[in-house]
Amino acid sequence: MNYQNFDVEDFITDERFIDWVKTDAKDLNEFWEAWLATHPEKKPIVEKAKDLIKRIDFQSPEPDQHKLDQILNKLQEDITEENVSRRLDRRMVIRFFRNVAAILVLGLLTWGIYDHFSVVTNNDYVTAFGEKEIIELPDGSKVHLNANSKIIVNEDWEKDKNREVWLEGEAYFEVSSKPKRGGRKFVVHAGAYDVAVLGTEFNVKNRNEHISVVLKSGKVNLSSTEDISGDKKSMDMLPGEKISVDKGKPLHKVQVNPNVFISWVEDKILLDETSLGYLVEILEDNYGFQVEVSDQEMLKQTLSGSVIEENPEALINGIKAALQVKVEIKDKEITIGK
């Protein structure tokens, strides 16, 4: 079963998922924990589906029609608010109740529970190649989302819960230490790693199973959510440090100039003995070019200076002039050679 495209209504009608929630069997635990580790962006939806199933009172084999209509209308209203394209119908809800052999009695035990019966609201922010976006979070924190990136924000932030976001791509975070909403801890889920902070400014890149975190101010902790080689599954960071890791490998920490890695926030690329290999990543990840370098040793050559980020041609010309190399461009393909 491909669960990657499942929404709340899909999970609450899936027998394997229901069995996991109701029985807590070891084999099901292992399956769903591994699946969530691979798809951490689905955690808010899974948690809400689990919560809905746990609220069921197992008494009657068939739902009361009046109560069924009320539940259905409430679900449809909430799901419409979060822009879920596929609506529930009466047959789906009936199938759900039959699958779990249950009925919501007296409005899910009490009207108080029913009044709070709602689907988690997740906002997805997506940028295209060459596009950036600034996002204000519910707690007052700010996110600068780089090109070709996506961030999912669970806006159901309560006082005693972590503030959580899920990142694919690259983003710079300005985290409020005195949040308007949510708990004190702010967590960025980036693939198989979590970046936990209280209040700070840092950059996270999560692309092609490679994670890197650069800290400008404050203090953060980077931890793995799965097994990795070596002893270190978690590291604290101080300003001016960068941690990078490839999937399944140990964490690697170095001292860097943070401004080099966050200059994109100010619409420029700052070069400070920056390798050609890093610039090739920018051209591919941020602008959608396919870059071929004829000699892999060239990737180690470095450049210094700065260029306007919104103009990839300026970066390409800068590489050509500074390294004295030949550059050929055809549509979105770039070839760099001696």
C-alpha atoms as a PDB file:
ATOM      1  CA  MET A   1       0.000   0.000   0.000  1.00  0.00           C
ATOM      2  CA  ASN A   2       1.305   3.461  -0.937  1.00  0.00           C
ATOM      3  CA  TYR A   3       0.507   5.669   2.049  1.00  0.00           C
ATOM      4  CA  GLN A   4       2.494   8.690   0.865  1.00  0.00           C
ATOM      5  CA  ASN A   5      -0.554  10.393  -0.673  1.00  0.00           C
ATOM      6  CA  PHE A   6      -2.956   9.500   2.163  1.00  0.00           C
ATOM      7  CA  ASP A   7      -4.948  12.220   3.928  1.00  0.00           C
ATOM      8  CA  VAL A   8      -6.800  11.974   7.243  1.00  0.00           C
ATOM      9  CA  GLU A   9      -9.891  10.400   5.673  1.00  0.00           C
ATOM     10  CA  ASP A  10      -7.732   7.766   3.958  1.00  0.00           C
ATOM     11  CA  PHE A  11      -5.979   6.729   7.153  1.00  0.00           C
ATOM     12  CA  ILE A  12      -9.163   6.454   9.227  1.00  0.00           C
ATOM     13  CA  THR A  13     -10.578   3.961   6.703  1.00  0.00           C
ATOM     14  CA  ASP A  14      -7.438   1.848   6.318  1.00  0.00           C
ATOM     15  CA  GLU A  15      -7.660  -1.441   8.228  1.00  0.00           C
ATOM     16  CA  ARG A  16      -3.901  -1.761   8.775  1.00  0.00           C
ATOM     17  CA  PHE A  17      -3.721   1.734  10.224  1.00  0.00           C
ATOM     18  CA  ILE A  18      -6.767   1.157  12.431  1.00  0.00           C
ATOM     19  CA  ASP A  19      -5.288  -2.114  13.753  1.00  0.00           C
ATOM     20  CA  TRP A  20      -2.080  -0.278  14.663  1.00  0.00           C
ATOM     21  CA  VAL A  21      -3.948   2.400  16.604  1.00  0.00           C
ATOM     22  CA  LYS A  22      -6.283  -0.023  18.395  1.00  0.00           C
ATOM     23  CA  THR A  23      -3.944  -2.961  19.116  1.00  0.00           C
ATOM     24  CA  ASP A  24      -0.471  -1.384  19.367  1.00  0.00           C
ATOM     25  CA  ALA A  25       0.987  -4.652  17.991  1.00  0.00           C
ATOM     26  CA  LYS A  26       4.794  -4.878  17.815  1.00  0.00           C
ATOM     27  CA  ASP A  27       5.016  -5.639  14.089  1.00  0.00           C
ATOM     28  CA  LEU A  28       2.642  -2.778  13.257  1.00  0.00           C
ATOM     29  CA  ASN A  29       4.582  -0.436  15.534  1.00  0.00           C
ATOM     30  CA  GLU A  30       7.794  -1.283  13.721  1.00  0.00           C
ATOM     31  CA  PHE A  31       6.188  -0.738  10.310  1.00  0.00           C
ATOM     32  CA  TRP A  32       4.552   2.621  11.084  1.00  0.00           C
ATOM     33  CA  GLU A  33       7.521   4.013  13.040  1.00  0.00           C
ATOM     34  CA  ALA A  34       9.811   3.190  10.116  1.00  0.00           C
ATOM     35  CA  TRP A  35       7.320   4.698   7.657  1.00  0.00           C
ATOM     36  CA  LEU A  36       7.019   7.918   9.654  1.00  0.00           C
ATOM     37  CA  ALA A  37      10.804   8.190   9.889  1.00  0.00           C
ATOM     38  CA  THR A  38      10.888   8.116   6.091  1.00  0.00           C
ATOM     39  CA  HIS A  39       7.899  10.481   5.701  1.00  0.00           C
ATOM     40  CA  PRO A  40       8.114  12.874   8.705  1.00  0.00           C
ATOM     41  CA  GLU A  41       5.981  15.469   6.900  1.00  0.00           C
ATOM     42  CA  LYS A  42       3.001  13.113   7.366  1.00  0.00           C
ATOM     43  CA  LYS A  43       3.250  13.109  11.163  1.00  0.00           C
ATOM     44  CA  PRO A  44       0.569  15.817  11.797  1.00  0.00           C
ATOM     45  CA  ILE A  45      -1.937  14.010   9.570  1.00  0.00           C
ATOM     46  CA  VAL A  46      -1.160  10.619  11.139  1.00  0.00           C
ATOM     47  CA  GLU A  47      -1.484  12.031  14.666  1.00  0.00           C
ATOM     48  CA  LYS A  48      -4.865  13.553  13.877  1.00  0.00           C
ATOM     49  CA  ALA A  49      -6.108  10.316  12.296  1.00  0.00           C
ATOM     50  CA  LYS A  50      -4.938   8.376  15.377  1.00  0.00           C
ATOM     51  CA  ASP A  51      -6.717  10.873  17.626  1.00  0.00           C
ATOM     52  CA  LEU A  52      -9.965  10.537  15.678  1.00  0.00           C
ATOM     53  CA  ILE A  53      -9.895   6.744  15.891  1.00  0.00           C
ATOM     54  CA  LYS A  54      -9.105   6.781  19.635  1.00  0.00           C
ATOM     55  CA  ARG A  55     -12.146   8.974  20.288  1.00  0.00           C
ATOM     56  CA  ILE A  56     -14.504   6.240  19.082  1.00  0.00           C
ATOM     57  CA  ASP A  57     -16.875   4.658  21.646  1.00  0.00           C
ATOM     58  CA  PHE A  58     -17.359   0.982  20.641  1.00  0.00           C
ATOM     59  CA  GLN A  59     -21.034   0.203  21.213  1.00  0.00           C
ATOM     60  CA  SER A  60     -23.370   0.081  18.242  1.00  0.00           C
ATOM     61  CA  PRO A  61     -22.571  -1.708  14.934  1.00  0.00           C
ATOM     62  CA  GLU A  62     -24.305   0.936  12.765  1.00  0.00           C
ATOM     63  CA  PRO A  63     -24.235   4.734  13.071  1.00  0.00           C
ATOM     64  CA  ASP A  64     -27.316   6.751  13.894  1.00  0.00           C
ATOM     65  CA  GLN A  65     -28.213   8.557  10.646  1.00  0.00           C
ATOM     66  CA  HIS A  66     -28.727  11.967  12.254  1.00  0.00           C
ATOM     67  CA  LYS A  67     -25.419  11.783  14.113  1.00  0.00           C
ATOM     68  CA  LEU A  68     -23.711  10.469  10.993  1.00  0.00           C
ATOM     69  CA  ASP A  69     -24.872  13.518   9.023  1.00  0.00           C
ATOM     70  CA  GLN A  70     -23.545  15.837  11.713  1.00  0.00           C
ATOM     71  CA  ILE A  71     -20.142  14.148  11.782  1.00  0.00           C
ATOM     72  CA  LEU A  72     -19.969  14.125   7.995  1.00  0.00           C
ATOM     73  CA  ASN A  73     -20.785  17.822   7.704  1.00  0.00           C
ATOM     74  CA  LYS A  74     -18.219  18.734  10.345  1.00  0.00           C
ATOM     75  CA  LEU A  75     -15.498  16.707   8.660  1.00  0.00           C
ATOM     76  CA  GLN A  76     -16.261  18.223   5.282  1.00  0.00           C
ATOM     77  CA  GLU A  77     -16.183  21.775   6.656  1.00  0.00           C
ATOM     78  CA  ASP A  78     -12.824  21.253   8.356  1.00  0.00           C
ATOM     79  CA  ILE A  79     -11.261  19.480   5.397  1.00  0.00           C
ATOM     80  CA  THR A  80     -12.433  22.203   3.009  1.00  0.00           C
ATOM     81  CA  GLU A  81     -10.699  24.795   5.193  1.00  0.00           C
ATOM     82  CA  GLU A  82      -7.316  23.094   4.697  1.00  0.00           C
ATOM     83  CA  ASN A  83      -7.835  22.861   0.925  1.00  0.00           C
ATOM     84  CA  VAL A  84      -8.144  19.080   0.757  1.00  0.00           C
ATOM     85  CA  SER A  85      -9.353  18.443  -2.765  1.00  0.00           C
ATOM     86  CA  ARG A  86     -11.145  15.117  -2.232  1.00  0.00           C
ATOM     87  CA  ARG A  87     -14.256  15.341  -0.050  1.00  0.00           C
ATOM     88  CA  LEU A  88     -15.724  12.644   2.151  1.00  0.00           C
ATOM     89  CA  ASP A  89     -18.993  11.020   1.151  1.00  0.00           C
ATOM     90  CA  ARG A  90     -21.518   9.114   3.248  1.00  0.00           C
ATOM     91  CA  ARG A  91     -20.315   5.730   2.013  1.00  0.00           C
ATOM     92  CA  MET A  92     -16.751   6.462   3.167  1.00  0.00           C
ATOM     93  CA  VAL A  93     -17.867   7.414   6.650  1.00  0.00           C
ATOM     94  CA  ILE A  94     -20.115   4.336   6.902  1.00  0.00           C
ATOM     95  CA  ARG A  95     -17.192   2.163   5.738  1.00  0.00           C
ATOM     96  CA  PHE A  96     -15.024   3.694   8.439  1.00  0.00           C
ATOM     97  CA  PHE A  97     -17.519   2.879  11.172  1.00  0.00           C
ATOM     98  CA  ARG A  98     -17.963  -0.663   9.883  1.00  0.00           C
ATOM     99  CA  ASN A  99     -14.210  -1.209   9.658  1.00  0.00           C
ATOM    100  CA  VAL A 100     -13.741  -0.404  13.311  1.00  0.00           C
ATOM    101  CA  ALA A 101     -17.125  -1.852  14.353  1.00  0.00           C
ATOM    102  CA  ALA A 102     -17.875   1.385  16.162  1.00  0.00           C
ATOM    103  CA  ILE A 103     -20.204   4.342  16.471  1.00  0.00           C
ATOM    104  CA  LEU A 104     -19.805   7.771  17.936  1.00  0.00           C
ATOM    105  CA  VAL A 105     -22.355   7.687  20.768  1.00  0.00           C
ATOM    106  CA  LEU A 106     -23.884  10.943  22.069  1.00  0.00           C
ATOM    107  CA  GLY A 107     -21.681  13.106  19.876  1.00  0.00           C
ATOM    108  CA  LEU A 108     -18.331  11.348  20.476  1.00  0.00           C
ATOM    109  CA  LEU A 109     -19.095  10.770  24.163  1.00  0.00           C
ATOM    110  CA  THR A 110     -19.949  14.448  24.839  1.00  0.00           C
ATOM    111  CA  TRP A 111     -20.782  17.523  22.835  1.00  0.00           C
ATOM    112  CA  GLY A 112     -17.611  19.060  24.265  1.00  0.00           C
ATOM    113  CA  ILE A 113     -15.482  16.560  22.342  1.00  0.00           C
ATOM    114  CA  TYR A 114     -17.624  16.922  19.220  1.00  0.00           C
ATOM    115  CA  ASP A 115     -17.262  20.708  19.220  1.00  0.00           C
ATOM    116  CA  HIS A 116     -13.473  20.279  18.988  1.00  0.00           C
ATOM    117  CA  PHE A 117     -13.642  17.589  16.312  1.00  0.00           C
ATOM    118  CA  SER A 118     -11.441  19.145  13.638  1.00  0.00           C
ATOM    119  CA  VAL A 119      -8.726  18.205  11.158  1.00  0.00           C
ATOM    120  CA  VAL A 120      -5.162  19.478  11.601  1.00  0.00           C
ATOM    121  CA  THR A 121      -4.521  22.545   9.480  1.00  0.00           C
ATOM    122  CA  ASN A 122      -1.271  22.289   7.558  1.00  0.00           C
ATOM    123  CA  ASN A 123      -0.065  25.089   5.333  1.00  0.00           C
ATOM    124  CA  ASP A 124       2.297  24.157   2.509  1.00  0.00           C
ATOM    125  CA  TYR A 125       4.597  26.827   1.080  1.00  0.00           C
ATOM    126  CA  VAL A 126       6.407  25.967  -2.158  1.00  0.00           C
ATOM    127  CA  THR A 127       8.884  27.977  -4.234  1.00  0.00           C
ATOM    128  CA  ALA A 128       9.888  27.380  -7.844  1.00  0.00           C
ATOM    129  CA  PHE A 129      13.379  27.684  -9.357  1.00  0.00           C
ATOM    130  CA  GLY A 130      14.622  31.261  -8.955  1.00  0.00           C
ATOM    131  CA  GLU A 131      11.818  32.143  -6.516  1.00  0.00           C
ATOM    132  CA  LYS A 132      11.950  32.946  -2.795  1.00  0.00           C
ATOM    133  CA  GLU A 133       9.329  33.634  -0.141  1.00  0.00           C
ATOM    134  CA  ILE A 134       9.202  35.124   3.361  1.00  0.00           C
ATOM    135  CA  ILE A 135       6.746  33.404   5.702  1.00  0.00           C
ATOM    136  CA  GLU A 136       5.463  34.680   9.043  1.00  0.00           C
ATOM    137  CA  LEU A 137       4.718  31.782  11.398  1.00  0.00           C
ATOM    138  CA  PRO A 138       1.905  31.714  14.009  1.00  0.00           C
ATOM    139  CA  ASP A 139       4.398  32.235  16.853  1.00  0.00           C
ATOM    140  CA  GLY A 140       5.904  35.392  15.319  1.00  0.00           C
ATOM    141  CA  SER A 141       8.972  33.610  13.919  1.00  0.00           C
ATOM    142  CA  LYS A 142      10.036  34.301  10.335  1.00  0.00           C
ATOM    143  CA  VAL A 143      11.146  31.880   7.607  1.00  0.00           C
ATOM    144  CA  HIS A 144      13.029  32.842   4.446  1.00  0.00           C
ATOM    145  CA  LEU A 145      12.307  30.013   2.011  1.00  0.00           C
ATOM    146  CA  ASN A 146      14.925  29.637  -0.721  1.00  0.00           C
ATOM    147  CA  ALA A 147      14.281  28.635  -4.338  1.00  0.00           C
ATOM    148  CA  ASN A 148      13.074  25.113  -5.224  1.00  0.00           C
ATOM    149  CA  SER A 149      11.985  24.446  -1.639  1.00  0.00           C
ATOM    150  CA  LYS A 150       8.942  23.424   0.377  1.00  0.00           C
ATOM    151  CA  ILE A 151       7.958  23.902   3.995  1.00  0.00           C
ATOM    152  CA  ILE A 152       4.954  22.420   5.785  1.00  0.00           C
ATOM    153  CA  VAL A 153       3.681  24.297   8.830  1.00  0.00           C
ATOM    154  CA  ASN A 154       1.405  22.628  11.350  1.00  0.00           C
ATOM    155  CA  GLU A 155      -0.515  25.624  12.662  1.00  0.00           C
ATOM    156  CA  ASP A 156      -2.205  23.712  15.479  1.00  0.00           C
ATOM    157  CA  TRP A 157       0.313  25.137  17.935  1.00  0.00           C
ATOM    158  CA  GLU A 158      -0.833  24.925  21.527  1.00  0.00           C
ATOM    159  CA  LYS A 159       0.962  26.286  24.553  1.00  0.00           C
ATOM    160  CA  ASP A 160       2.301  22.930  25.736  1.00  0.00           C
ATOM    161  CA  LYS A 161       3.275  21.584  22.296  1.00  0.00           C
ATOM    162  CA  ASN A 162       6.433  22.023  20.223  1.00  0.00           C
ATOM    163  CA  ARG A 163       6.349  24.409  17.293  1.00  0.00           C
ATOM    164  CA  GLU A 164       7.045  22.140  14.317  1.00  0.00           C
ATOM    165  CA  VAL A 165       7.768  22.585  10.606  1.00  0.00           C
ATOM    166  CA  TRP A 166       8.881  20.139   7.881  1.00  0.00           C
ATOM    167  CA  LEU A 167      11.466  21.276   5.325  1.00  0.00           C
ATOM    168  CA  GLU A 168      12.479  20.038   1.886  1.00  0.00           C
ATOM    169  CA  GLY A 169      15.058  22.323   0.307  1.00  0.00           C
ATOM    170  CA  GLU A 170      16.620  25.313   2.062  1.00  0.00           C
ATOM    171  CA  ALA A 171      15.373  27.919   4.521  1.00  0.00           C
ATOM    172  CA  TYR A 172      16.725  30.520   6.928  1.00  0.00           C
ATOM    173  CA  PHE A 173      14.910  30.737  10.271  1.00  0.00           C
ATOM    174  CA  GLU A 174      14.538  33.664  12.662  1.00  0.00           C
ATOM    175  CA  VAL A 175      12.962  31.922  15.641  1.00  0.00           C
ATOM    176  CA  SER A 176      11.151  33.892  18.317  1.00  0.00           C
ATOM    177  CA  SER A 177      12.336  33.133  21.843  1.00  0.00           C
ATOM    178  CA  LYS A 178       9.033  34.492  23.195  1.00  0.00           C
ATOM    179  CA  PRO A 179       6.465  32.843  20.938  1.00  0.00           C
ATOM    180  CA  LYS A 180       2.956  34.239  20.560  1.00  0.00           C
ATOM    181  CA  ARG A 181       1.681  30.650  20.240  1.00  0.00           C
ATOM    182  CA  GLY A 182       3.045  27.173  20.942  1.00  0.00           C
ATOM    183  CA  GLY A 183       5.633  25.838  23.365  1.00  0.00           C
ATOM    184  CA  ARG A 184       9.173  27.118  23.851  1.00  0.00           C
ATOM    185  CA  LYS A 185      10.867  24.502  21.661  1.00  0.00           C
ATOM    186  CA  PHE A 186      10.936  25.031  17.900  1.00  0.00           C
ATOM    187  CA  VAL A 187      11.676  21.946  15.767  1.00  0.00           C
ATOM    188  CA  VAL A 188      12.603  21.764  12.082  1.00  0.00           C
ATOM    189  CA  HIS A 189      12.185  18.267  10.637  1.00  0.00           C
ATOM    190  CA  ALA A 190      14.644  17.868   7.766  1.00  0.00           C
ATOM    191  CA  GLY A 191      14.550  14.353   6.372  1.00  0.00           C
ATOM    192  CA  ALA A 192      15.964  11.971   8.966  1.00  0.00           C
ATOM    193  CA  TYR A 193      17.133  14.819  11.241  1.00  0.00           C
ATOM    194  CA  ASP A 194      15.521  17.213  13.687  1.00  0.00           C
ATOM    195  CA  VAL A 195      16.874  20.679  14.457  1.00  0.00           C
ATOM    196  CA  ALA A 196      15.614  21.807  17.890  1.00  0.00           C
ATOM    197  CA  VAL A 197      15.971  25.384  19.144  1.00  0.00           C
ATOM    198  CA  LEU A 198      14.563  27.838  21.668  1.00  0.00           C
ATOM    199  CA  GLY A 199      15.269  31.177  19.989  1.00  0.00           C
ATOM    200  CA  THR A 200      17.953  31.724  17.375  1.00  0.00           C
ATOM    201  CA  GLU A 201      18.841  32.316  13.712  1.00  0.00           C
ATOM    202  CA  PHE A 202      20.080  29.471  11.537  1.00  0.00           C
ATOM    203  CA  ASN A 203      20.055  28.036   8.025  1.00  0.00           C
ATOM    204  CA  VAL A 204      18.902  24.501   7.131  1.00  0.00           C
ATOM    205  CA  LYS A 205      19.411  22.763   3.802  1.00  0.00           C
ATOM    206  CA  ASN A 206      17.761  19.409   3.105  1.00  0.00           C
ATOM    207  CA  ARG A 207      18.404  18.289  -0.473  1.00  0.00           C
ATOM    208  CA  ASN A 208      19.147  14.900  -2.054  1.00  0.00           C
ATOM    209  CA  GLU A 209      19.502  13.134   1.330  1.00  0.00           C
ATOM    210  CA  HIS A 210      22.183  15.644   2.377  1.00  0.00           C
ATOM    211  CA  ILE A 211      21.505  17.808   5.444  1.00  0.00           C
ATOM    212  CA  SER A 212      23.449  20.888   6.507  1.00  0.00           C
ATOM    213  CA  VAL A 213      22.788  23.349   9.317  1.00  0.00           C
ATOM    214  CA  VAL A 214      24.628  26.653   9.784  1.00  0.00           C
ATOM    215  CA  LEU A 215      24.116  28.593  13.019  1.00  0.00           C
ATOM    216  CA  LYS A 216      24.330  32.392  13.053  1.00  0.00           C
ATOM    217  CA  SER A 217      23.210  33.093  16.626  1.00  0.00           C
ATOM    218  CA  GLY A 218      21.885  31.277  19.685  1.00  0.00           C
ATOM    219  CA  LYS A 219      22.178  27.539  20.188  1.00  0.00           C
ATOM    220  CA  VAL A 220      20.591  24.553  18.431  1.00  0.00           C
ATOM    221  CA  ASN A 221      20.670  20.779  18.640  1.00  0.00           C
ATOM    222  CA  LEU A 222      20.749  18.517  15.593  1.00  0.00           C
ATOM    223  CA  SER A 223      19.649  14.924  16.180  1.00  0.00           C
ATOM    224  CA  SER A 224      19.013  11.896  14.002  1.00  0.00           C
ATOM    225  CA  THR A 225      15.644  10.133  13.977  1.00  0.00           C
ATOM    226  CA  GLU A 226      17.162   6.914  12.635  1.00  0.00           C
ATOM    227  CA  ASP A 227      20.271   4.736  13.070  1.00  0.00           C
ATOM    228  CA  ILE A 228      23.531   6.134  11.687  1.00  0.00           C
ATOM    229  CA  SER A 229      27.099   4.902  11.668  1.00  0.00           C
ATOM    230  CA  GLY A 230      29.438   6.165  14.371  1.00  0.00           C
ATOM    231  CA  ASP A 231      28.686   7.180  17.949  1.00  0.00           C
ATOM    232  CA  LYS A 232      27.213  10.630  17.407  1.00  0.00           C
ATOM    233  CA  LYS A 233      23.456  10.751  16.770  1.00  0.00           C
ATOM    234  CA  SER A 234      23.092  14.215  18.271  1.00  0.00           C
ATOM    235  CA  MET A 235      25.220  17.393  18.396  1.00  0.00           C
ATOM    236  CA  ASP A 236      24.824  20.821  19.958  1.00  0.00           C
ATOM    237  CA  MET A 237      25.870  23.810  17.859  1.00  0.00           C
ATOM    238  CA  LEU A 238      27.283  27.224  18.681  1.00  0.00           C
ATOM    239  CA  PRO A 239      27.343  30.330  16.435  1.00  0.00           C
ATOM    240  CA  GLY A 240      29.761  30.026  13.515  1.00  0.00           C
ATOM    241  CA  GLU A 241      29.465  26.238  13.289  1.00  0.00           C
ATOM    242  CA  LYS A 242      28.200  24.115  10.432  1.00  0.00           C
ATOM    243  CA  ILE A 243      27.076  20.496  10.693  1.00  0.00           C
ATOM    244  CA  SER A 244      26.640  18.455   7.544  1.00  0.00           C
ATOM    245  CA  VAL A 245      25.684  14.824   7.068  1.00  0.00           C
ATOM    246  CA  ASP A 246      24.715  12.412   4.329  1.00  0.00           C
ATOM    247  CA  LYS A 247      22.037   9.772   4.961  1.00  0.00           C
ATOM    248  CA  GLY A 248      23.303   6.998   7.247  1.00  0.00           C
ATOM    249  CA  LYS A 249      26.662   8.668   7.930  1.00  0.00           C
ATOM    250  CA  PRO A 250      28.077  10.390  11.053  1.00  0.00           C
ATOM    251  CA  LEU A 251      27.550  14.064  11.788  1.00  0.00           C
ATOM    252  CA  HIS A 252      30.430  16.327  10.731  1.00  0.00           C
ATOM    253  CA  LYS A 253      31.025  19.718  12.376  1.00  0.00           C
ATOM    254  CA  VAL A 254      33.284  22.550  11.113  1.00  0.00           C
ATOM    255  CA  GLN A 255      33.846  26.263  11.770  1.00  0.00           C
ATOM    256  CA  VAL A 256      32.542  28.525   8.979  1.00  0.00           C
ATOM    257  CA  ASN A 257      31.641  32.101   8.148  1.00  0.00           C
ATOM    258  CA  PRO A 258      27.821  31.962   8.517  1.00  0.00           C
ATOM    259  CA  ASN A 259      27.360  34.956   6.210  1.00  0.00           C
ATOM    260  CA  VAL A 260      28.544  32.880   3.245  1.00  0.00           C
ATOM    261  CA  PHE A 261      25.701  30.409   3.728  1.00  0.00           C
ATOM    262  CA  ILE A 262      22.927  32.896   4.529  1.00  0.00           C
ATOM    263  CA  SER A 263      23.791  35.699   2.074  1.00  0.00           C
ATOM    264  CA  TRP A 264      21.017  34.435  -0.219  1.00  0.00           C
ATOM    265  CA  VAL A 265      18.527  35.933   2.232  1.00  0.00           C
ATOM    266  CA  GLU A 266      19.805  39.369   1.131  1.00  0.00           C
ATOM    267  CA  ASP A 267      19.582  38.435  -2.575  1.00  0.00           C
ATOM    268  CA  LYS A 268      23.298  37.946  -3.081  1.00  0.00           C
ATOM    269  CA  ILE A 269      25.880  35.188  -3.089  1.00  0.00           C
ATOM    270  CA  LEU A 270      28.872  35.898  -0.872  1.00  0.00           C
ATOM    271  CA  LEU A 271      32.022  34.033  -1.874  1.00  0.00           C
ATOM    272  CA  ASP A 272      34.796  33.513   0.684  1.00  0.00           C
ATOM    273  CA  GLU A 273      37.181  30.897  -0.695  1.00  0.00           C
ATOM    274  CA  THR A 274      34.007  29.153  -1.869  1.00  0.00           C
ATOM    275  CA  SER A 275      34.467  25.996  -3.927  1.00  0.00           C
ATOM    276  CA  LEU A 276      33.241  25.598  -7.491  1.00  0.00           C
ATOM    277  CA  GLY A 277      31.448  22.460  -6.278  1.00  0.00           C
ATOM    278  CA  TYR A 278      29.284  24.563  -3.940  1.00  0.00           C
ATOM    279  CA  LEU A 279      28.458  27.009  -6.745  1.00  0.00           C
ATOM    280  CA  VAL A 280      27.463  24.119  -9.008  1.00  0.00           C
ATOM    281  CA  GLU A 281      25.003  23.043  -6.289  1.00  0.00           C
ATOM    282  CA  ILE A 282      23.494  26.539  -6.281  1.00  0.00           C
ATOM    283  CA  LEU A 283      23.071  26.544 -10.051  1.00  0.00           C
ATOM    284  CA  GLU A 284      21.391  23.134  -9.978  1.00  0.00           C
ATOM    285  CA  ASP A 285      19.312  23.418  -6.793  1.00  0.00           C
ATOM    286  CA  ASN A 286      18.195  27.048  -7.013  1.00  0.00           C
ATOM    287  CA  TYR A 287      17.936  27.655 -10.757  1.00  0.00           C
ATOM    288  CA  GLY A 288      17.292  24.219 -12.252  1.00  0.00           C
ATOM    289  CA  PHE A 289      20.423  23.984 -14.420  1.00  0.00           C
ATOM    290  CA  GLN A 290      22.090  20.671 -15.214  1.00  0.00           C
ATOM    291  CA  VAL A 291      25.833  21.268 -14.816  1.00  0.00           C
ATOM    292  CA  GLU A 292      28.598  19.033 -16.157  1.00  0.00           C
ATOM    293  CA  VAL A 293      32.227  19.665 -15.152  1.00  0.00           C
ATOM    294  CA  SER A 294      34.743  17.955 -17.404  1.00  0.00           C
ATOM    295  CA  ASP A 295      37.434  17.579 -14.723  1.00  0.00           C
ATOM    296  CA  GLN A 296      36.257  16.724 -11.199  1.00  0.00           C
ATOM    297  CA  GLU A 297      39.394  18.304  -9.704  1.00  0.00           C
ATOM    298  CA  MET A 298      38.045  21.663 -10.865  1.00  0.00           C
ATOM    299  CA  LEU A 299      35.281  21.369  -8.272  1.00  0.00           C
ATOM    300  CA  LYS A 300      37.884  22.036  -5.553  1.00  0.00           C
ATOM    301  CA  GLN A 301      38.915  25.418  -6.995  1.00  0.00           C
ATOM    302  CA  THR A 302      37.741  28.404  -4.947  1.00  0.00           C
ATOM    303  CA  LEU A 303      36.457  31.918  -5.558  1.00  0.00           C
ATOM    304  CA  SER A 304      35.993  35.061  -3.446  1.00  0.00           C
ATOM    305  CA  GLY A 305      33.770  38.088  -3.970  1.00  0.00           C
ATOM    306  CA  SER A 306      30.000  38.517  -4.326  1.00  0.00           C
ATOM    307  CA  VAL A 307      27.346  38.440  -7.035  1.00  0.00           C
ATOM    308  CA  ILE A 308      23.666  39.359  -7.241  1.00  0.00           C
ATOM    309  CA  GLU A 309      21.734  36.147  -6.625  1.00  0.00           C
ATOM    310  CA  GLU A 310      18.774  37.038  -8.842  1.00  0.00           C
ATOM    311  CA  ASN A 311      21.070  36.994 -11.878  1.00  0.00           C
ATOM    312  CA  PRO A 312      22.475  33.461 -12.452  1.00  0.00           C
ATOM    313  CA  GLU A 313      24.219  34.726 -15.603  1.00  0.00           C
ATOM    314  CA  ALA A 314      26.384  36.969 -13.404  1.00  0.00           C
ATOM    315  CA  LEU A 315      27.427  33.953 -11.342  1.00  0.00           C
ATOM    316  CA  ILE A 316      28.221  31.929 -14.476  1.00  0.00           C
ATOM    317  CA  ASN A 317      30.284  34.785 -15.933  1.00  0.00           C
ATOM    318  CA  GLY A 318      32.068  35.224 -12.597  1.00  0.00           C
ATOM    319  CA  ILE A 319      33.049  31.548 -12.583  1.00  0.00           C
ATOM    320  CA  LYS A 320      34.287  31.832 -16.152  1.00  0.00           C
ATOM    321  CA  ALA A 321      36.407  34.920 -15.484  1.00  0.00           C
ATOM    322  CA  ALA A 322      37.793  33.996 -12.052  1.00  0.00           C
ATOM    323  CA  LEU A 323      38.762  30.414 -12.868  1.00  0.00           C
ATOM    324  CA  GLN A 324      39.707  31.007 -16.510  1.00  0.00           C
ATOM    325  CA  VAL A 325      37.517  28.161 -17.724  1.00  0.00           C
ATOM    326  CA  LYS A 326      35.315  27.557 -20.741  1.00  0.00           C
ATOM    327  CA  VAL A 327      31.580  27.657 -20.145  1.00  0.00           C
ATOM    328  CA  GLU A 328      28.973  26.520 -22.650  1.00  0.00           C
ATOM    329  CA  ILE A 329      25.254  27.075 -22.077  1.00  0.00           C
ATOM    330  CA  LYS A 330      22.473  25.388 -24.012  1.00  0.00           C
ATOM    331  CA  ASP A 331      18.966  25.929 -22.648  1.00  0.00           C
ATOM    332  CA  LYS A 332      19.235  24.682 -19.026  1.00  0.00           C
ATOM    333  CA  GLU A 333      22.448  22.689 -19.553  1.00  0.00           C
ATOM    334  CA  ILE A 334      25.868  24.080 -18.598  1.00  0.00           C
ATOM    335  CA  THR A 335      29.220  22.531 -19.453  1.00  0.00           C
ATOM    336  CA  ILE A 336      32.366  23.760 -17.658  1.00  0.00           C
ATOM    337  CA  GLY A 337      35.780  22.763 -18.938  1.00  0.00           C
ATOM    338  CA  LYS A 338      39.389  23.939 -19.214  1.00  0.00           C
END
